[in-house]
Amino acid sequence: MPDNSFELVMPLITQHKVHLTITRERQSKLGDYRNAHAGRNHRISVNGNLNKYSFLITLLHELAHLLAYEKHGHTIQSHGREWKTIFSEVLKAFLHQHLFPDDIAKEIRASLHNPAASSCAEESLQRVLMNYDKRKPGVKRIEEISDGKHFRISNGRIFQKMERVRKRYKCTELATGKMYLFSAVYEVMEI
């Protein structure tokens, strides 16, 4: 986690009796929240492979779920208006502590009025956060690959990059001929 952030997060974790688990990389999600029930504490998990800024934002995202649950129970949508309000308040409190580099802080500020369900859904924030990742050799973002070139995703499937459609890129899976849309910042191996 970023310097001086541990002291700010720990009171929330201890006050709400959170069982925090740092997991191996998961492809489908960066973090997860499960409310307390049947004698079990609130449970939050965060992927351990994230850079320190992505880790903190993901942890705050999950803590916002906890706070929304404590305030509203199961009566709200998981990423609805109430959660967005609470997440924005939590992010603002951490922004005031100057824990994030300027480029990340700028993108967080831009998202405060309507935070997305995931930092992955906010392409400009994800792009900036990725600048703090340790990049694996040969890995590129879809937007860095020329149209018509082939690439492989983590499960081994091979695609050909096509044209951009709004915010995503059309890509054809070579084995099936099926068309898929990929985020511009999705990481792949160019072939």
Protein backbone atom coordinates (compact mmCIF):
# COMPACT_ATOMS: atom_id res chain seq x y z
CA MET A 1 0.00 0.00 0.00
CA PRO A 2 1.16 3.59 -0.46
CA ASP A 3 3.12 5.17 2.38
CA ASN A 4 0.95 6.40 5.27
CA SER A 5 -2.19 4.66 3.98
CA PHE A 6 -2.03 1.69 6.35
CA GLU A 7 -2.72 3.93 9.36
CA LEU A 8 -5.86 5.26 7.63
CA VAL A 9 -7.22 1.89 6.50
CA MET A 10 -6.63 -0.14 9.66
CA PRO A 11 -9.21 1.68 11.84
CA LEU A 12 -11.89 0.84 9.24
CA ILE A 13 -10.81 -2.80 9.15
CA THR A 14 -10.67 -3.21 12.92
CA GLN A 15 -13.79 -1.17 13.69
CA HIS A 16 -15.88 -3.27 11.30
CA LYS A 17 -14.12 -6.54 12.19
CA VAL A 18 -13.11 -7.28 8.62
CA HIS A 19 -11.46 -10.57 7.72
CA LEU A 20 -9.07 -9.34 4.99
CA THR A 21 -7.58 -11.87 2.59
CA ILE A 22 -4.92 -11.08 0.03
CA THR A 23 -5.40 -13.57 -2.80
CA ARG A 24 -3.49 -14.76 -5.80
CA GLU A 25 -4.32 -13.11 -9.11
CA ARG A 26 -7.89 -13.62 -10.28
CA GLN A 27 -8.80 -12.87 -13.89
CA SER A 28 -12.45 -12.13 -13.16
CA LYS A 29 -12.11 -9.60 -10.34
CA LEU A 30 -9.67 -7.46 -8.38
CA GLY A 31 -11.50 -7.67 -5.06
CA ASP A 32 -14.59 -8.98 -3.35
CA TYR A 33 -16.82 -8.16 -0.37
CA ARG A 34 -19.05 -10.54 1.62
CA ASN A 35 -21.21 -9.15 4.42
CA ALA A 36 -21.16 -10.50 7.97
CA HIS A 37 -23.70 -13.24 8.67
CA ALA A 38 -24.17 -16.44 10.69
CA GLY A 39 -21.50 -15.42 13.18
CA ARG A 40 -18.92 -14.69 10.48
CA ASN A 41 -17.21 -11.32 10.14
CA HIS A 42 -17.31 -9.13 7.06
CA ARG A 43 -14.90 -10.58 4.49
CA ILE A 44 -12.89 -8.65 1.94
CA SER A 45 -10.43 -10.12 -0.50
CA VAL A 46 -8.03 -8.17 -2.74
CA ASN A 47 -5.71 -9.55 -5.39
CA GLY A 48 -2.11 -9.51 -4.16
CA ASN A 49 -0.60 -8.91 -7.60
CA LEU A 50 -1.87 -5.31 -7.85
CA ASN A 51 0.45 -2.33 -7.63
CA LYS A 52 0.16 -0.41 -4.37
CA TYR A 53 -2.19 2.25 -5.77
CA SER A 54 -4.51 -0.25 -7.48
CA PHE A 55 -4.49 -2.31 -4.28
CA LEU A 56 -5.55 0.68 -2.16
CA ILE A 57 -8.30 1.78 -4.58
CA THR A 58 -9.63 -1.79 -4.74
CA LEU A 59 -9.57 -2.10 -0.95
CA LEU A 60 -11.42 1.23 -0.61
CA HIS A 61 -13.95 0.04 -3.21
CA GLU A 62 -14.65 -3.07 -1.13
CA LEU A 63 -14.77 -1.08 2.13
CA ALA A 64 -17.37 1.17 0.48
CA HIS A 65 -19.48 -1.95 -0.08
CA LEU A 66 -19.18 -2.73 3.63
CA LEU A 67 -20.16 0.81 4.63
CA ALA A 68 -23.08 0.77 2.19
CA TYR A 69 -24.24 -2.56 3.62
CA GLU A 70 -23.97 -1.27 7.20
CA LYS A 71 -26.05 1.77 6.28
CA HIS A 72 -28.61 0.26 3.87
CA GLY A 73 -28.47 -3.53 4.22
CA HIS A 74 -29.54 -5.50 1.17
CA THR A 75 -31.99 -2.81 0.03
CA ILE A 76 -29.67 -1.20 -2.55
CA GLN A 77 -27.98 -2.20 -5.79
CA SER A 78 -24.37 -3.23 -5.26
CA HIS A 79 -23.01 -0.39 -7.42
CA GLY A 80 -26.02 1.89 -7.19
CA ARG A 81 -26.37 5.53 -6.19
CA GLU A 82 -25.93 4.89 -2.46
CA TRP A 83 -22.71 2.90 -2.94
CA LYS A 84 -21.36 5.51 -5.37
CA THR A 85 -21.98 8.27 -2.83
CA ILE A 86 -20.17 6.36 -0.08
CA PHE A 87 -17.28 5.35 -2.36
CA SER A 88 -16.85 8.98 -3.47
CA GLU A 89 -16.72 10.12 0.17
CA VAL A 90 -14.12 7.47 1.03
CA LEU A 91 -12.00 8.37 -2.02
CA LYS A 92 -12.20 12.10 -1.18
CA ALA A 93 -10.97 11.43 2.36
CA PHE A 94 -7.97 9.51 1.01
CA LEU A 95 -7.28 12.09 -1.73
CA HIS A 96 -6.99 14.77 0.96
CA GLN A 97 -4.14 12.76 2.49
CA HIS A 98 -2.04 13.11 -0.71
CA LEU A 99 -1.35 9.37 -0.92
CA PHE A 100 -1.59 9.17 -4.71
CA PRO A 101 0.74 10.55 -7.39
CA ASP A 102 -0.70 13.56 -9.25
CA ASP A 103 -1.70 11.61 -12.37
CA ILE A 104 -3.72 9.06 -10.37
CA ALA A 105 -5.23 11.73 -8.11
CA LYS A 106 -6.36 13.68 -11.20
CA GLU A 107 -8.16 10.61 -12.63
CA ILE A 108 -9.76 9.78 -9.27
CA ARG A 109 -11.03 13.37 -8.96
CA ALA A 110 -12.52 13.11 -12.46
CA SER A 111 -14.46 9.99 -11.44
CA LEU A 112 -15.78 11.21 -8.08
CA HIS A 113 -19.13 12.44 -9.40
CA ASN A 114 -20.01 8.98 -10.77
CA PRO A 115 -17.49 6.26 -9.87
CA ALA A 116 -17.61 3.13 -12.00
CA ALA A 117 -18.24 -0.32 -10.60
CA SER A 118 -14.56 -1.10 -11.17
CA SER A 119 -11.37 0.83 -11.85
CA CYS A 120 -11.16 -1.40 -14.93
CA ALA A 121 -14.36 0.20 -16.19
CA GLU A 122 -12.75 3.63 -16.04
CA GLU A 123 -10.30 3.33 -18.90
CA SER A 124 -8.40 6.55 -18.20
CA LEU A 125 -7.91 5.61 -14.53
CA GLN A 126 -6.90 2.07 -15.44
CA ARG A 127 -4.41 3.35 -18.03
CA VAL A 128 -2.74 5.59 -15.43
CA LEU A 129 -2.72 2.84 -12.79
CA MET A 130 -1.10 0.47 -15.30
CA ASN A 131 1.85 2.85 -15.54
CA TYR A 132 2.75 1.73 -12.00
CA ASP A 133 2.60 -2.00 -12.81
CA LYS A 134 5.66 -4.11 -13.45
CA ARG A 135 5.12 -4.93 -17.09
CA LYS A 136 5.84 -8.43 -18.23
CA PRO A 137 8.14 -8.72 -21.25
CA GLY A 138 6.21 -8.84 -24.52
CA VAL A 139 2.91 -7.71 -22.98
CA LYS A 140 1.14 -4.88 -24.76
CA ARG A 141 -2.20 -3.17 -24.49
CA ILE A 142 -4.60 -3.77 -27.38
CA GLU A 143 -4.35 -0.07 -28.27
CA GLU A 144 -0.58 -0.52 -28.82
CA ILE A 145 -1.05 -3.25 -31.46
CA SER A 146 -1.56 -2.33 -35.11
CA ASP A 147 -4.84 -3.24 -36.81
CA GLY A 148 -4.60 -6.61 -38.56
CA LYS A 149 -1.94 -7.99 -36.20
CA HIS A 150 -2.42 -11.19 -34.20
CA PHE A 151 -2.26 -11.49 -30.43
CA ARG A 152 -2.67 -14.11 -27.72
CA ILE A 153 -4.62 -13.68 -24.50
CA SER A 154 -3.67 -15.32 -21.18
CA ASN A 155 -5.65 -18.53 -21.83
CA GLY A 156 -3.84 -19.10 -25.16
CA ARG A 157 -6.63 -18.08 -27.54
CA ILE A 158 -5.41 -16.16 -30.60
CA PHE A 159 -7.14 -13.16 -32.15
CA GLN A 160 -6.67 -10.66 -34.94
CA LYS A 161 -7.14 -7.01 -34.04
CA MET A 162 -9.65 -5.16 -36.19
CA GLU A 163 -11.02 -1.60 -36.07
CA ARG A 164 -12.00 0.50 -33.07
CA VAL A 165 -15.71 0.73 -32.29
CA ARG A 166 -16.33 3.60 -29.86
CA LYS A 167 -14.16 2.72 -26.85
CA ARG A 168 -13.39 -0.93 -27.72
CA TYR A 169 -11.66 -2.86 -30.49
CA LYS A 170 -13.26 -5.53 -32.62
CA CYS A 171 -11.12 -8.65 -32.67
CA THR A 172 -11.68 -11.94 -34.46
CA GLU A 173 -10.80 -15.21 -32.77
CA LEU A 174 -8.81 -17.14 -35.37
CA ALA A 175 -9.96 -20.64 -34.31
CA THR A 176 -13.69 -19.88 -34.40
CA GLY A 177 -14.08 -16.77 -36.57
CA LYS A 178 -16.18 -15.21 -33.80
CA MET A 179 -15.98 -11.47 -33.21
CA TYR A 180 -15.21 -10.08 -29.73
CA LEU A 181 -14.85 -6.57 -28.32
CA PHE A 182 -11.75 -5.80 -26.23
CA SER A 183 -11.02 -2.81 -24.01
CA ALA A 184 -8.22 -0.63 -25.38
CA VAL A 185 -6.17 -1.26 -22.22
CA TYR A 186 -6.60 -5.06 -22.13
CA GLU A 187 -3.15 -6.67 -21.92
CA VAL A 188 -2.13 -9.28 -24.50
CA MET A 189 0.94 -10.84 -26.12
CA GLU A 190 1.50 -9.73 -29.71
CA ILE A 191 2.41 -12.59 -32.05
